[in-house]
């Protein structure tokens, strides 16, 4: 069923996600902090451009957001130009930004004052997943509301799951990033070891990927890592933001995350090497830089 939707934030994730909504036949109005980016989107897809989040949201049944962090989220939600000011009573606000669970609950409470339902729905799959419309959505909120928006989210996702109350989606995304951090570090060390041992990297991966060592990171990143190329995915700067959120949450819930804290510092080393915009597989660049010393 065609819906009137707004999409706030046209970064590397939001741009294609909004495009999939338009391609699915929904009436899409977009807002981006840089208006030129929104105008570029409107030339590529069928949709309209709004100059404020409120204007984008005013006729929407569902408003989707995908911005940078907690502060970015607040900047597009609140105030006279924010989405809540523009949204109608009884509509739905969905946030795909990776944020703290705390800000998700805060936005939900403020939206509820206007009888606007809220779903926190961070995604996994990276830029390629967004472009190919095969993201995984981790959601928190009311089950009835989730059931209403799930078919619309299917335009850019291959799997979506409700994890619990508001904030649960963000907590699940923290688990996702914790697991990725360990897997990438292990892969980086394994490839470094293979190089030092004089092994054929492609044959090694072809062999071990068939067994228990196999992973998405191994399948999709081993070739570029071996070649020292790190321009193919989620940036280190954003990963550190996400790991910081997870580590802060761990202080609140009592979780012990020694590996996550260590890998977070390894990513800080990558930043110090000038690799803040490298993709997360660049943990291997850190190891190789240390090896050369």
C-alpha atoms as a PDB file:
ATOM      1  CA  UNK A   1       0.000   0.000   0.000  1.00  0.00           C
ATOM      2  CA  UNK A   2       1.330   3.407  -0.988  1.00  0.00           C
ATOM      3  CA  UNK A   3       2.097   5.722   1.934  1.00  0.00           C
ATOM      4  CA  UNK A   4       2.950   9.369   2.362  1.00  0.00           C
ATOM      5  CA  UNK A   5       6.374   9.301   3.974  1.00  0.00           C
ATOM      6  CA  UNK A   6       9.113  11.750   4.862  1.00  0.00           C
ATOM      7  CA  UNK A   7      12.797  10.912   5.052  1.00  0.00           C
ATOM      8  CA  UNK A   8      15.095  13.098   7.136  1.00  0.00           C
ATOM      9  CA  UNK A   9      18.819  12.761   6.447  1.00  0.00           C
ATOM     10  CA  UNK A  10      20.314  11.812   3.091  1.00  0.00           C
ATOM     11  CA  UNK A  11      23.757  10.547   3.999  1.00  0.00           C
ATOM     12  CA  UNK A  12      25.339   7.391   2.606  1.00  0.00           C
ATOM     13  CA  UNK A  13      22.562   5.355   4.239  1.00  0.00           C
ATOM     14  CA  UNK A  14      19.542   7.640   4.043  1.00  0.00           C
ATOM     15  CA  UNK A  15      19.965   8.614   0.400  1.00  0.00           C
ATOM     16  CA  UNK A  16      19.461   5.088  -0.993  1.00  0.00           C
ATOM     17  CA  UNK A  17      16.939   4.139   1.710  1.00  0.00           C
ATOM     18  CA  UNK A  18      14.715   7.041   0.692  1.00  0.00           C
ATOM     19  CA  UNK A  19      15.254   6.048  -2.925  1.00  0.00           C
ATOM     20  CA  UNK A  20      13.971   2.531  -2.276  1.00  0.00           C
ATOM     21  CA  UNK A  21      10.847   3.992  -0.658  1.00  0.00           C
ATOM     22  CA  UNK A  22      10.204   6.086  -3.774  1.00  0.00           C
ATOM     23  CA  UNK A  23      10.869   3.111  -6.052  1.00  0.00           C
ATOM     24  CA  UNK A  24       8.347   1.080  -4.055  1.00  0.00           C
ATOM     25  CA  UNK A  25       5.657   3.605  -4.965  1.00  0.00           C
ATOM     26  CA  UNK A  26       5.484   5.647  -1.789  1.00  0.00           C
ATOM     27  CA  UNK A  27       5.070   9.425  -1.961  1.00  0.00           C
ATOM     28  CA  UNK A  28       8.351  10.624  -0.463  1.00  0.00           C
ATOM     29  CA  UNK A  29       9.320  14.067   0.797  1.00  0.00           C
ATOM     30  CA  UNK A  30      12.957  14.459   1.810  1.00  0.00           C
ATOM     31  CA  UNK A  31      14.895  16.863   3.989  1.00  0.00           C
ATOM     32  CA  UNK A  32      18.654  17.160   4.256  1.00  0.00           C
ATOM     33  CA  UNK A  33      20.758  19.698   6.094  1.00  0.00           C
ATOM     34  CA  UNK A  34      22.513  20.418   2.766  1.00  0.00           C
ATOM     35  CA  UNK A  35      19.652  21.314   0.440  1.00  0.00           C
ATOM     36  CA  UNK A  36      21.704  20.601  -2.680  1.00  0.00           C
ATOM     37  CA  UNK A  37      21.926  16.938  -1.661  1.00  0.00           C
ATOM     38  CA  UNK A  38      18.131  16.772  -1.356  1.00  0.00           C
ATOM     39  CA  UNK A  39      17.741  18.374  -4.764  1.00  0.00           C
ATOM     40  CA  UNK A  40      20.140  15.826  -6.257  1.00  0.00           C
ATOM     41  CA  UNK A  41      18.037  13.073  -4.710  1.00  0.00           C
ATOM     42  CA  UNK A  42      14.839  14.527  -6.192  1.00  0.00           C
ATOM     43  CA  UNK A  43      16.413  14.547  -9.657  1.00  0.00           C
ATOM     44  CA  UNK A  44      17.312  10.868  -9.357  1.00  0.00           C
ATOM     45  CA  UNK A  45      14.095   9.670  -7.719  1.00  0.00           C
ATOM     46  CA  UNK A  46      10.447  10.672  -7.703  1.00  0.00           C
ATOM     47  CA  UNK A  47       9.754  12.849  -4.685  1.00  0.00           C
ATOM     48  CA  UNK A  48       9.660  16.306  -3.178  1.00  0.00           C
ATOM     49  CA  UNK A  49      12.159  18.420  -1.247  1.00  0.00           C
ATOM     50  CA  UNK A  50      11.329  20.286   1.967  1.00  0.00           C
ATOM     51  CA  UNK A  51      13.427  23.063   3.472  1.00  0.00           C
ATOM     52  CA  UNK A  52      12.826  22.063   7.108  1.00  0.00           C
ATOM     53  CA  UNK A  53      12.164  18.779   8.902  1.00  0.00           C
ATOM     54  CA  UNK A  54       8.764  20.122   9.982  1.00  0.00           C
ATOM     55  CA  UNK A  55       7.753  20.857   6.384  1.00  0.00           C
ATOM     56  CA  UNK A  56       8.855  17.408   5.274  1.00  0.00           C
ATOM     57  CA  UNK A  57       6.798  15.807   8.035  1.00  0.00           C
ATOM     58  CA  UNK A  58       3.584  17.803   7.888  1.00  0.00           C
ATOM     59  CA  UNK A  59       1.649  15.525   5.501  1.00  0.00           C
ATOM     60  CA  UNK A  60       3.425  12.246   6.236  1.00  0.00           C
ATOM     61  CA  UNK A  61       1.869   9.095   7.620  1.00  0.00           C
ATOM     62  CA  UNK A  62       5.348   7.921   8.608  1.00  0.00           C
ATOM     63  CA  UNK A  63       8.520   9.957   9.122  1.00  0.00           C
ATOM     64  CA  UNK A  64      11.851   8.140   8.811  1.00  0.00           C
ATOM     65  CA  UNK A  65      15.090   9.627  10.106  1.00  0.00           C
ATOM     66  CA  UNK A  66      18.709   8.618   9.580  1.00  0.00           C
ATOM     67  CA  UNK A  67      21.180  11.209  10.834  1.00  0.00           C
ATOM     68  CA  UNK A  68      24.525  11.125  12.648  1.00  0.00           C
ATOM     69  CA  UNK A  69      24.270  10.956  16.434  1.00  0.00           C
ATOM     70  CA  UNK A  70      22.196  11.929  19.479  1.00  0.00           C
ATOM     71  CA  UNK A  71      22.704  15.670  18.989  1.00  0.00           C
ATOM     72  CA  UNK A  72      21.903  15.469  15.275  1.00  0.00           C
ATOM     73  CA  UNK A  73      18.734  13.586  16.115  1.00  0.00           C
ATOM     74  CA  UNK A  74      17.612  16.194  18.623  1.00  0.00           C
ATOM     75  CA  UNK A  75      18.325  18.959  16.097  1.00  0.00           C
ATOM     76  CA  UNK A  76      15.850  17.536  13.567  1.00  0.00           C
ATOM     77  CA  UNK A  77      13.208  16.413  16.089  1.00  0.00           C
ATOM     78  CA  UNK A  78      12.701  19.414  18.347  1.00  0.00           C
ATOM     79  CA  UNK A  79      11.876  23.087  17.904  1.00  0.00           C
ATOM     80  CA  UNK A  80       9.594  24.989  15.548  1.00  0.00           C
ATOM     81  CA  UNK A  81      11.305  23.426  12.517  1.00  0.00           C
ATOM     82  CA  UNK A  82      11.561  19.931  13.984  1.00  0.00           C
ATOM     83  CA  UNK A  83       9.620  16.900  12.815  1.00  0.00           C
ATOM     84  CA  UNK A  84       7.403  16.732  15.893  1.00  0.00           C
ATOM     85  CA  UNK A  85       6.168  20.263  15.187  1.00  0.00           C
ATOM     86  CA  UNK A  86       5.183  19.229  11.670  1.00  0.00           C
ATOM     87  CA  UNK A  87       3.724  15.790  12.314  1.00  0.00           C
ATOM     88  CA  UNK A  88       0.031  15.104  12.746  1.00  0.00           C
ATOM     89  CA  UNK A  89      -1.497  13.335  15.728  1.00  0.00           C
ATOM     90  CA  UNK A  90      -1.685   9.577  15.193  1.00  0.00           C
ATOM     91  CA  UNK A  91       1.267   9.331  12.822  1.00  0.00           C
ATOM     92  CA  UNK A  92       4.496   7.346  13.281  1.00  0.00           C
ATOM     93  CA  UNK A  93       8.101   8.472  13.749  1.00  0.00           C
ATOM     94  CA  UNK A  94      10.849   5.937  12.962  1.00  0.00           C
ATOM     95  CA  UNK A  95      14.502   6.596  13.734  1.00  0.00           C
ATOM     96  CA  UNK A  96      17.159   4.609  11.865  1.00  0.00           C
ATOM     97  CA  UNK A  97      20.049   6.548  13.398  1.00  0.00           C
ATOM     98  CA  UNK A  98      22.408   4.632  15.674  1.00  0.00           C
ATOM     99  CA  UNK A  99      22.028   6.492  18.970  1.00  0.00           C
ATOM    100  CA  UNK A 100      21.968   5.874  22.682  1.00  0.00           C
ATOM    101  CA  UNK A 101      18.963   4.028  24.080  1.00  0.00           C
ATOM    102  CA  UNK A 102      18.509   7.013  26.377  1.00  0.00           C
ATOM    103  CA  UNK A 103      17.836   9.481  23.547  1.00  0.00           C
ATOM    104  CA  UNK A 104      15.469   6.992  21.909  1.00  0.00           C
ATOM    105  CA  UNK A 105      13.375   6.911  25.077  1.00  0.00           C
ATOM    106  CA  UNK A 106      13.566  10.706  25.355  1.00  0.00           C
ATOM    107  CA  UNK A 107      12.322  11.280  21.805  1.00  0.00           C
ATOM    108  CA  UNK A 108       9.597   8.684  22.286  1.00  0.00           C
ATOM    109  CA  UNK A 109       8.331  10.444  25.403  1.00  0.00           C
ATOM    110  CA  UNK A 110       8.262  13.824  23.661  1.00  0.00           C
ATOM    111  CA  UNK A 111       6.527  12.404  20.589  1.00  0.00           C
ATOM    112  CA  UNK A 112       3.907  10.781  22.804  1.00  0.00           C
ATOM    113  CA  UNK A 113       2.886  14.217  24.104  1.00  0.00           C
ATOM    114  CA  UNK A 114       1.439  14.810  20.642  1.00  0.00           C
ATOM    115  CA  UNK A 115       0.127  11.242  20.317  1.00  0.00           C
ATOM    116  CA  UNK A 116       2.856  10.367  17.823  1.00  0.00           C
ATOM    117  CA  UNK A 117       4.123   6.793  18.002  1.00  0.00           C
ATOM    118  CA  UNK A 118       7.883   6.183  17.973  1.00  0.00           C
ATOM    119  CA  UNK A 119      10.029   3.262  16.868  1.00  0.00           C
ATOM    120  CA  UNK A 120      13.802   3.193  17.308  1.00  0.00           C
ATOM    121  CA  UNK A 121      15.118   1.159  14.400  1.00  0.00           C
ATOM    122  CA  UNK A 122      18.885   1.215  13.827  1.00  0.00           C
ATOM    123  CA  UNK A 123      20.115  -0.771  10.853  1.00  0.00           C
ATOM    124  CA  UNK A 124      22.988  -3.049   9.930  1.00  0.00           C
ATOM    125  CA  UNK A 125      24.356  -3.837   6.500  1.00  0.00           C
ATOM    126  CA  UNK A 126      26.349  -0.714   5.738  1.00  0.00           C
ATOM    127  CA  UNK A 127      26.277   1.422   2.631  1.00  0.00           C
ATOM    128  CA  UNK A 128      26.114  -1.608   0.346  1.00  0.00           C
ATOM    129  CA  UNK A 129      23.126  -2.966   2.265  1.00  0.00           C
ATOM    130  CA  UNK A 130      21.346   0.376   1.967  1.00  0.00           C
ATOM    131  CA  UNK A 131      22.066   0.649  -1.743  1.00  0.00           C
ATOM    132  CA  UNK A 132      20.896  -2.902  -2.407  1.00  0.00           C
ATOM    133  CA  UNK A 133      17.846  -2.623  -0.141  1.00  0.00           C
ATOM    134  CA  UNK A 134      18.883  -5.540   2.074  1.00  0.00           C
ATOM    135  CA  UNK A 135      19.415  -3.925   5.469  1.00  0.00           C
ATOM    136  CA  UNK A 136      18.662  -5.597   8.787  1.00  0.00           C
ATOM    137  CA  UNK A 137      16.426  -3.485  11.056  1.00  0.00           C
ATOM    138  CA  UNK A 138      16.556  -3.834  14.856  1.00  0.00           C
ATOM    139  CA  UNK A 139      13.496  -2.191  16.380  1.00  0.00           C
ATOM    140  CA  UNK A 140      12.148  -1.114  19.735  1.00  0.00           C
ATOM    141  CA  UNK A 141       8.613   0.059  20.414  1.00  0.00           C
ATOM    142  CA  UNK A 142       4.981  -0.999  20.426  1.00  0.00           C
ATOM    143  CA  UNK A 143       4.204  -4.224  18.550  1.00  0.00           C
ATOM    144  CA  UNK A 144       1.086  -2.833  16.864  1.00  0.00           C
ATOM    145  CA  UNK A 145       2.976   0.228  15.620  1.00  0.00           C
ATOM    146  CA  UNK A 146       5.869  -1.919  14.404  1.00  0.00           C
ATOM    147  CA  UNK A 147       3.476  -4.127  12.446  1.00  0.00           C
ATOM    148  CA  UNK A 148       2.142  -1.024  10.700  1.00  0.00           C
ATOM    149  CA  UNK A 149       5.541   0.223   9.535  1.00  0.00           C
ATOM    150  CA  UNK A 150       7.268  -3.110   8.877  1.00  0.00           C
ATOM    151  CA  UNK A 151       5.841  -3.492   5.332  1.00  0.00           C
ATOM    152  CA  UNK A 152       7.031   0.007   4.445  1.00  0.00           C
ATOM    153  CA  UNK A 153      10.527  -0.658   5.829  1.00  0.00           C
ATOM    154  CA  UNK A 154      10.641  -3.743   3.618  1.00  0.00           C
ATOM    155  CA  UNK A 155      11.432  -1.390   0.725  1.00  0.00           C
ATOM    156  CA  UNK A 156      15.015  -1.124   2.007  1.00  0.00           C
ATOM    157  CA  UNK A 157      15.415  -4.158   4.286  1.00  0.00           C
ATOM    158  CA  UNK A 158      15.437  -7.914   3.993  1.00  0.00           C
ATOM    159  CA  UNK A 159      14.853  -8.562   7.689  1.00  0.00           C
ATOM    160  CA  UNK A 160      13.366  -6.564  10.539  1.00  0.00           C
ATOM    161  CA  UNK A 161      12.669  -7.624  14.092  1.00  0.00           C
ATOM    162  CA  UNK A 162      11.034  -6.059  17.121  1.00  0.00           C
ATOM    163  CA  UNK A 163      13.291  -6.625  20.150  1.00  0.00           C
ATOM    164  CA  UNK A 164      11.147  -5.064  22.876  1.00  0.00           C
ATOM    165  CA  UNK A 165      10.184  -1.650  24.188  1.00  0.00           C
ATOM    166  CA  UNK A 166      11.613   1.638  22.896  1.00  0.00           C
ATOM    167  CA  UNK A 167      15.403   1.554  23.220  1.00  0.00           C
ATOM    168  CA  UNK A 168      15.654  -2.176  22.562  1.00  0.00           C
ATOM    169  CA  UNK A 169      16.591  -1.619  18.934  1.00  0.00           C
ATOM    170  CA  UNK A 170      19.500   0.577  19.970  1.00  0.00           C
ATOM    171  CA  UNK A 171      20.624  -1.954  22.571  1.00  0.00           C
ATOM    172  CA  UNK A 172      20.597  -4.676  19.917  1.00  0.00           C
ATOM    173  CA  UNK A 173      22.659  -2.467  17.606  1.00  0.00           C
ATOM    174  CA  UNK A 174      25.202  -2.115  20.411  1.00  0.00           C
ATOM    175  CA  UNK A 175      25.454  -5.917  20.542  1.00  0.00           C
ATOM    176  CA  UNK A 176      25.933  -5.906  16.765  1.00  0.00           C
ATOM    177  CA  UNK A 177      28.835  -3.439  16.932  1.00  0.00           C
ATOM    178  CA  UNK A 178      30.441  -5.233  19.886  1.00  0.00           C
ATOM    179  CA  UNK A 179      30.455  -8.477  17.888  1.00  0.00           C
ATOM    180  CA  UNK A 180      31.787  -6.813  14.727  1.00  0.00           C
ATOM    181  CA  UNK A 181      34.673  -5.228  16.640  1.00  0.00           C
ATOM    182  CA  UNK A 182      35.951  -8.593  17.826  1.00  0.00           C
ATOM    183  CA  UNK A 183      35.480 -10.316  14.485  1.00  0.00           C
ATOM    184  CA  UNK A 184      37.354  -7.624  12.537  1.00  0.00           C
ATOM    185  CA  UNK A 185      40.261  -7.600  14.990  1.00  0.00           C
ATOM    186  CA  UNK A 186      40.528 -11.387  14.750  1.00  0.00           C
ATOM    187  CA  UNK A 187      40.450 -11.239  10.944  1.00  0.00           C
ATOM    188  CA  UNK A 188      43.073  -8.489  10.894  1.00  0.00           C
ATOM    189  CA  UNK A 189      45.412 -10.507  13.109  1.00  0.00           C
ATOM    190  CA  UNK A 190      44.808 -13.664  11.078  1.00  0.00           C
ATOM    191  CA  UNK A 191      45.629 -11.975   7.768  1.00  0.00           C
ATOM    192  CA  UNK A 192      48.717 -10.360   9.279  1.00  0.00           C
ATOM    193  CA  UNK A 193      49.865 -13.757  10.537  1.00  0.00           C
ATOM    194  CA  UNK A 194      49.234 -15.306   7.106  1.00  0.00           C
ATOM    195  CA  UNK A 195      51.368 -12.637   5.429  1.00  0.00           C
ATOM    196  CA  UNK A 196      54.195 -13.122   7.909  1.00  0.00           C
ATOM    197  CA  UNK A 197      54.029 -16.875   7.383  1.00  0.00           C
ATOM    198  CA  UNK A 198      54.322 -16.454   3.613  1.00  0.00           C
ATOM    199  CA  UNK A 199      50.938 -18.020   2.887  1.00  0.00           C
ATOM    200  CA  UNK A 200      48.697 -17.353  -0.104  1.00  0.00           C
ATOM    201  CA  UNK A 201      45.988 -15.196   1.461  1.00  0.00           C
ATOM    202  CA  UNK A 202      43.287 -16.106  -1.044  1.00  0.00           C
ATOM    203  CA  UNK A 203      43.849 -19.827  -0.587  1.00  0.00           C
ATOM    204  CA  UNK A 204      43.873 -19.424   3.190  1.00  0.00           C
ATOM    205  CA  UNK A 205      40.542 -17.631   3.182  1.00  0.00           C
ATOM    206  CA  UNK A 206      39.037 -20.018   0.635  1.00  0.00           C
ATOM    207  CA  UNK A 207      39.915 -22.829   3.020  1.00  0.00           C
ATOM    208  CA  UNK A 208      39.060 -21.469   6.443  1.00  0.00           C
ATOM    209  CA  UNK A 209      35.902 -19.619   5.351  1.00  0.00           C
ATOM    210  CA  UNK A 210      34.275 -23.007   4.789  1.00  0.00           C
ATOM    211  CA  UNK A 211      34.583 -23.811   8.487  1.00  0.00           C
ATOM    212  CA  UNK A 212      33.907 -22.243  11.857  1.00  0.00           C
ATOM    213  CA  UNK A 213      36.115 -19.196  11.151  1.00  0.00           C
ATOM    214  CA  UNK A 214      33.873 -17.958   8.346  1.00  0.00           C
ATOM    215  CA  UNK A 215      32.104 -14.602   8.709  1.00  0.00           C
ATOM    216  CA  UNK A 216      30.563 -11.762   6.707  1.00  0.00           C
ATOM    217  CA  UNK A 217      33.683  -9.706   7.360  1.00  0.00           C
ATOM    218  CA  UNK A 218      35.906 -12.461   6.047  1.00  0.00           C
ATOM    219  CA  UNK A 219      33.838 -12.973   2.917  1.00  0.00           C
ATOM    220  CA  UNK A 220      33.404  -9.300   2.071  1.00  0.00           C
ATOM    221  CA  UNK A 221      36.601  -7.642   3.338  1.00  0.00           C
ATOM    222  CA  UNK A 222      39.509 -10.081   3.128  1.00  0.00           C
ATOM    223  CA  UNK A 223      40.575  -9.134  -0.407  1.00  0.00           C
ATOM    224  CA  UNK A 224      40.620  -5.391   0.230  1.00  0.00           C
ATOM    225  CA  UNK A 225      42.347  -5.871   3.579  1.00  0.00           C
ATOM    226  CA  UNK A 226      45.039  -8.019   1.966  1.00  0.00           C
ATOM    227  CA  UNK A 227      45.544  -5.288  -0.646  1.00  0.00           C
ATOM    228  CA  UNK A 228      45.671  -2.527   1.987  1.00  0.00           C
ATOM    229  CA  UNK A 229      42.536  -0.845   0.626  1.00  0.00           C
ATOM    230  CA  UNK A 230      40.141   0.610   3.195  1.00  0.00           C
ATOM    231  CA  UNK A 231      37.538   2.637   1.306  1.00  0.00           C
ATOM    232  CA  UNK A 232      34.706   0.137   1.203  1.00  0.00           C
ATOM    233  CA  UNK A 233      32.366   0.562   4.112  1.00  0.00           C
ATOM    234  CA  UNK A 234      31.488   1.954   7.511  1.00  0.00           C
ATOM    235  CA  UNK A 235      34.012   4.585   8.639  1.00  0.00           C
ATOM    236  CA  UNK A 236      36.232   4.276  11.698  1.00  0.00           C
ATOM    237  CA  UNK A 237      34.977   7.632  13.010  1.00  0.00           C
ATOM    238  CA  UNK A 238      31.415   6.301  13.087  1.00  0.00           C
ATOM    239  CA  UNK A 239      32.463   2.970  14.562  1.00  0.00           C
ATOM    240  CA  UNK A 240      34.154   4.759  17.449  1.00  0.00           C
ATOM    241  CA  UNK A 241      30.947   6.714  18.005  1.00  0.00           C
ATOM    242  CA  UNK A 242      28.983   3.459  18.140  1.00  0.00           C
ATOM    243  CA  UNK A 243      31.457   1.674  20.402  1.00  0.00           C
ATOM    244  CA  UNK A 244      31.456   4.689  22.705  1.00  0.00           C
ATOM    245  CA  UNK A 245      27.682   4.380  23.018  1.00  0.00           C
ATOM    246  CA  UNK A 246      28.021   0.676  23.842  1.00  0.00           C
ATOM    247  CA  UNK A 247      30.747   1.284  26.413  1.00  0.00           C
ATOM    248  CA  UNK A 248      28.691   4.023  28.069  1.00  0.00           C
ATOM    249  CA  UNK A 249      25.675   1.726  28.225  1.00  0.00           C
ATOM    250  CA  UNK A 250      27.837  -1.013  29.727  1.00  0.00           C
ATOM    251  CA  UNK A 251      28.759   1.328  32.581  1.00  0.00           C
ATOM    252  CA  UNK A 252      25.035   1.667  33.300  1.00  0.00           C
ATOM    253  CA  UNK A 253      24.011  -1.976  33.029  1.00  0.00           C
ATOM    254  CA  UNK A 254      27.128  -3.504  34.568  1.00  0.00           C
ATOM    255  CA  UNK A 255      28.325  -5.368  31.468  1.00  0.00           C
ATOM    256  CA  UNK A 256      32.042  -6.097  31.192  1.00  0.00           C
ATOM    257  CA  UNK A 257      33.443  -5.384  27.719  1.00  0.00           C
ATOM    258  CA  UNK A 258      37.236  -5.688  27.826  1.00  0.00           C
ATOM    259  CA  UNK A 259      37.647  -6.666  24.177  1.00  0.00           C
ATOM    260  CA  UNK A 260      35.358  -3.858  23.009  1.00  0.00           C
ATOM    261  CA  UNK A 261      37.280  -1.291  25.034  1.00  0.00           C
ATOM    262  CA  UNK A 262      40.559  -2.568  23.611  1.00  0.00           C
ATOM    263  CA  UNK A 263      39.391  -2.519  19.990  1.00  0.00           C
ATOM    264  CA  UNK A 264      37.935   0.947  20.507  1.00  0.00           C
ATOM    265  CA  UNK A 265      41.441   2.110  21.426  1.00  0.00           C
ATOM    266  CA  UNK A 266      42.853   0.308  18.394  1.00  0.00           C
ATOM    267  CA  UNK A 267      40.456   2.325  16.250  1.00  0.00           C
ATOM    268  CA  UNK A 268      41.747   5.453  18.023  1.00  0.00           C
ATOM    269  CA  UNK A 269      45.200   4.423  16.791  1.00  0.00           C
ATOM    270  CA  UNK A 270      43.824   4.162  13.246  1.00  0.00           C
ATOM    271  CA  UNK A 271      42.438   7.682  13.599  1.00  0.00           C
ATOM    272  CA  UNK A 272      45.870   8.857  14.738  1.00  0.00           C
ATOM    273  CA  UNK A 273      47.294   7.353  11.533  1.00  0.00           C
ATOM    274  CA  UNK A 274      44.908   9.587   9.574  1.00  0.00           C
ATOM    275  CA  UNK A 275      42.415   6.799   8.964  1.00  0.00           C
ATOM    276  CA  UNK A 276      39.273   8.237  10.486  1.00  0.00           C
ATOM    277  CA  UNK A 277      37.464   7.820   7.185  1.00  0.00           C
ATOM    278  CA  UNK A 278      38.936   4.376   6.499  1.00  0.00           C
ATOM    279  CA  UNK A 279      36.455   1.536   6.774  1.00  0.00           C
ATOM    280  CA  UNK A 280      36.443  -0.603   9.899  1.00  0.00           C
ATOM    281  CA  UNK A 281      38.594  -3.339   8.360  1.00  0.00           C
ATOM    282  CA  UNK A 282      41.533  -0.918   8.673  1.00  0.00           C
ATOM    283  CA  UNK A 283      42.484  -2.515  11.986  1.00  0.00           C
ATOM    284  CA  UNK A 284      44.955  -4.387   9.784  1.00  0.00           C
ATOM    285  CA  UNK A 285      46.568  -1.058   8.817  1.00  0.00           C
ATOM    286  CA  UNK A 286      47.252  -0.439  12.505  1.00  0.00           C
ATOM    287  CA  UNK A 287      48.913  -3.824  12.931  1.00  0.00           C
ATOM    288  CA  UNK A 288      51.072  -3.333   9.843  1.00  0.00           C
ATOM    289  CA  UNK A 289      52.054   0.176  10.946  1.00  0.00           C
ATOM    290  CA  UNK A 290      53.202  -1.207  14.304  1.00  0.00           C
ATOM    291  CA  UNK A 291      55.054  -4.043  12.582  1.00  0.00           C
ATOM    292  CA  UNK A 292      57.076  -1.587  10.506  1.00  0.00           C
ATOM    293  CA  UNK A 293      58.376   0.236  13.567  1.00  0.00           C
END
